[in-house]
């Protein structure tokens, strides 16, 4: 709703934006993995697609794992 959106702070907006981006990337990762299951690809192409899917399926970095 517009009122809820405009009441967000900048920090809250970016938290929600990053969350949305991660969800979209996880959905694309699932799509790529499904394509790998049903498609027939050369080994090199399949490996490249697997690496791409792994890169998309990322999770937020925990504060204690961040470099100082």
N, C-alpha and C. Protein backbone atom coordinates (compact mmCIF):
# COMPACT_ATOMS: atom_id res chain seq x y z
N UNK A 1 0.84 -1.18 0.00
CA UNK A 1 0.00 0.00 0.00
C UNK A 1 0.89 1.25 0.00
N UNK A 2 0.45 2.30 -0.64
CA UNK A 2 1.27 3.51 -0.72
C UNK A 2 1.65 4.08 0.65
N UNK A 3 0.71 4.08 1.58
CA UNK A 3 1.02 4.66 2.90
C UNK A 3 2.12 3.85 3.60
N UNK A 4 2.05 2.54 3.48
CA UNK A 4 3.07 1.69 4.11
C UNK A 4 4.43 1.91 3.43
N UNK A 5 4.41 2.04 2.10
CA UNK A 5 5.66 2.26 1.37
C UNK A 5 6.31 3.58 1.77
N UNK A 6 5.54 4.64 1.76
CA UNK A 6 6.11 5.96 2.03
C UNK A 6 6.47 6.16 3.50
N UNK A 7 5.99 5.27 4.36
CA UNK A 7 6.36 5.40 5.77
C UNK A 7 7.67 4.68 6.09
N UNK A 8 8.24 3.96 5.11
CA UNK A 8 9.50 3.26 5.34
C UNK A 8 10.65 4.25 5.48
N UNK A 9 11.60 3.91 6.33
CA UNK A 9 12.83 4.68 6.37
C UNK A 9 13.71 4.19 5.23
N UNK A 10 14.76 4.94 4.93
CA UNK A 10 15.67 4.54 3.86
C UNK A 10 16.28 3.18 4.18
N UNK A 11 16.68 2.99 5.43
CA UNK A 11 17.27 1.72 5.85
C UNK A 11 16.28 0.57 5.65
N UNK A 12 15.04 0.76 6.06
CA UNK A 12 14.02 -0.28 5.90
C UNK A 12 13.77 -0.59 4.43
N UNK A 13 13.77 0.45 3.59
CA UNK A 13 13.58 0.25 2.16
C UNK A 13 14.67 -0.64 1.59
N UNK A 14 15.94 -0.35 1.91
CA UNK A 14 17.03 -1.13 1.35
C UNK A 14 17.04 -2.55 1.88
N UNK A 15 16.62 -2.75 3.11
CA UNK A 15 16.50 -4.11 3.64
C UNK A 15 15.47 -4.89 2.82
N UNK A 16 14.32 -4.28 2.58
CA UNK A 16 13.27 -4.93 1.80
C UNK A 16 13.71 -5.14 0.35
N UNK A 17 14.43 -4.17 -0.20
CA UNK A 17 14.91 -4.28 -1.58
C UNK A 17 15.88 -5.46 -1.72
N UNK A 18 16.82 -5.58 -0.80
CA UNK A 18 17.78 -6.70 -0.85
C UNK A 18 17.06 -8.03 -0.68
N UNK A 19 16.08 -8.07 0.19
CA UNK A 19 15.31 -9.29 0.39
C UNK A 19 14.57 -9.68 -0.89
N UNK A 20 13.97 -8.71 -1.55
CA UNK A 20 13.27 -8.97 -2.81
C UNK A 20 14.24 -9.48 -3.86
N UNK A 21 15.41 -8.85 -3.96
CA UNK A 21 16.40 -9.27 -4.95
C UNK A 21 16.86 -10.70 -4.69
N UNK A 22 17.10 -11.04 -3.42
CA UNK A 22 17.50 -12.41 -3.09
C UNK A 22 16.41 -13.41 -3.45
N UNK A 23 15.16 -13.06 -3.19
CA UNK A 23 14.05 -13.96 -3.53
C UNK A 23 13.95 -14.16 -5.04
N UNK A 24 14.12 -13.09 -5.81
CA UNK A 24 14.08 -13.21 -7.26
C UNK A 24 15.23 -14.08 -7.77
N UNK A 25 16.42 -13.90 -7.20
CA UNK A 25 17.57 -14.69 -7.62
C UNK A 25 17.40 -16.17 -7.25
N UNK A 26 16.82 -16.45 -6.08
CA UNK A 26 16.58 -17.84 -5.70
C UNK A 26 15.57 -18.49 -6.64
N UNK A 27 14.56 -17.73 -7.08
CA UNK A 27 13.58 -18.27 -8.03
C UNK A 27 14.25 -18.57 -9.37
N UNK A 28 15.13 -17.68 -9.83
CA UNK A 28 15.85 -17.93 -11.08
C UNK A 28 16.79 -19.13 -10.93
N UNK A 29 17.42 -19.26 -9.78
CA UNK A 29 18.28 -20.41 -9.51
C UNK A 29 17.48 -21.70 -9.61
N UNK A 30 16.29 -21.71 -9.04
CA UNK A 30 15.43 -22.90 -9.11
C UNK A 30 15.07 -23.22 -10.55
N UNK A 31 14.83 -22.19 -11.36
CA UNK A 31 14.50 -22.39 -12.76
C UNK A 31 15.68 -23.00 -13.52
N UNK A 32 16.87 -22.50 -13.26
CA UNK A 32 18.07 -23.04 -13.91
C UNK A 32 18.28 -24.49 -13.50
N UNK A 33 18.10 -24.79 -12.23
CA UNK A 33 18.27 -26.18 -11.76
C UNK A 33 17.22 -27.10 -12.40
N UNK A 34 16.00 -26.61 -12.57
CA UNK A 34 14.97 -27.42 -13.24
C UNK A 34 15.36 -27.68 -14.69
N UNK A 35 15.90 -26.66 -15.36
CA UNK A 35 16.36 -26.84 -16.74
C UNK A 35 17.47 -27.88 -16.80
N UNK A 36 18.35 -27.89 -15.81
CA UNK A 36 19.42 -28.89 -15.78
C UNK A 36 18.86 -30.30 -15.61
N UNK A 37 17.76 -30.42 -14.86
CA UNK A 37 17.18 -31.74 -14.63
C UNK A 37 16.51 -32.31 -15.89
N UNK A 38 15.85 -31.45 -16.65
CA UNK A 38 15.07 -31.96 -17.78
C UNK A 38 15.77 -31.79 -19.12
N UNK A 39 16.78 -30.96 -19.19
CA UNK A 39 17.45 -30.71 -20.45
C UNK A 39 18.66 -31.60 -20.64
N UNK A 40 19.15 -31.61 -21.86
CA UNK A 40 20.36 -32.35 -22.20
C UNK A 40 21.40 -31.32 -22.64
N UNK A 41 22.43 -31.16 -21.82
CA UNK A 41 23.46 -30.16 -22.08
C UNK A 41 24.82 -30.83 -22.11
N UNK A 42 25.75 -30.20 -22.83
CA UNK A 42 27.13 -30.67 -22.78
C UNK A 42 27.62 -30.49 -21.35
N UNK A 43 28.58 -31.31 -20.97
CA UNK A 43 29.09 -31.29 -19.59
C UNK A 43 29.60 -29.90 -19.21
N UNK A 44 30.33 -29.25 -20.10
CA UNK A 44 30.89 -27.92 -19.78
C UNK A 44 29.77 -26.89 -19.59
N UNK A 45 28.74 -26.98 -20.42
CA UNK A 45 27.61 -26.05 -20.30
C UNK A 45 26.85 -26.32 -19.01
N UNK A 46 26.64 -27.60 -18.70
CA UNK A 46 25.92 -27.95 -17.47
C UNK A 46 26.69 -27.47 -16.24
N UNK A 47 28.01 -27.61 -16.26
CA UNK A 47 28.82 -27.13 -15.13
C UNK A 47 28.72 -25.62 -14.99
N UNK A 48 28.73 -24.92 -16.11
CA UNK A 48 28.62 -23.46 -16.08
C UNK A 48 27.25 -23.04 -15.54
N UNK A 49 26.21 -23.73 -15.96
CA UNK A 49 24.86 -23.42 -15.47
C UNK A 49 24.75 -23.72 -13.98
N UNK A 50 25.37 -24.79 -13.52
CA UNK A 50 25.35 -25.15 -12.10
C UNK A 50 26.05 -24.08 -11.27
N UNK A 51 27.19 -23.59 -11.75
CA UNK A 51 27.89 -22.52 -11.04
C UNK A 51 27.05 -21.25 -10.99
N UNK A 52 26.36 -20.95 -12.08
CA UNK A 52 25.49 -19.77 -12.14
C UNK A 52 24.34 -19.91 -11.14
N UNK A 53 23.74 -21.09 -11.09
CA UNK A 53 22.64 -21.32 -10.15
C UNK A 53 23.13 -21.21 -8.71
N UNK A 54 24.33 -21.71 -8.44
CA UNK A 54 24.89 -21.60 -7.09
C UNK A 54 25.15 -20.15 -6.72
N UNK A 55 25.62 -19.37 -7.67
CA UNK A 55 25.90 -17.95 -7.40
C UNK A 55 24.60 -17.19 -7.12
N UNK A 56 23.53 -17.56 -7.81
CA UNK A 56 22.26 -16.88 -7.60
C UNK A 56 21.65 -17.21 -6.24
N UNK A 57 21.86 -18.43 -5.79
CA UNK A 57 21.22 -18.86 -4.54
C UNK A 57 22.13 -18.47 -3.37
N UNK A 58 22.15 -17.21 -3.10
CA UNK A 58 22.99 -16.70 -2.03
C UNK A 58 22.13 -16.36 -0.83
N UNK A 59 22.75 -16.32 0.27
CA UNK A 59 22.08 -15.98 1.52
C UNK A 59 22.75 -14.74 2.10
N UNK A 60 22.06 -14.00 2.94
CA UNK A 60 22.69 -12.82 3.52
C UNK A 60 23.91 -13.20 4.34
N UNK A 61 24.94 -12.38 4.26
CA UNK A 61 26.16 -12.63 5.02
C UNK A 61 25.90 -12.24 6.47
N UNK A 62 26.16 -13.16 7.35
CA UNK A 62 25.94 -12.91 8.77
C UNK A 62 26.99 -11.93 9.28
N UNK A 63 26.62 -11.05 10.21
CA UNK A 63 27.57 -10.02 10.67
C UNK A 63 28.87 -10.61 11.21
N UNK A 64 28.81 -11.77 11.84
CA UNK A 64 30.03 -12.34 12.42
C UNK A 64 30.92 -12.98 11.35
N UNK A 65 30.43 -13.12 10.11
CA UNK A 65 31.24 -13.68 9.04
C UNK A 65 31.85 -12.61 8.15
N UNK A 66 31.41 -11.36 8.32
CA UNK A 66 31.93 -10.28 7.49
C UNK A 66 33.39 -9.99 7.85
N UNK A 67 34.19 -9.67 6.84
CA UNK A 67 35.58 -9.30 7.13
C UNK A 67 35.60 -7.98 7.89
N UNK A 68 36.52 -7.83 8.78
CA UNK A 68 36.60 -6.61 9.59
C UNK A 68 37.48 -5.57 8.96
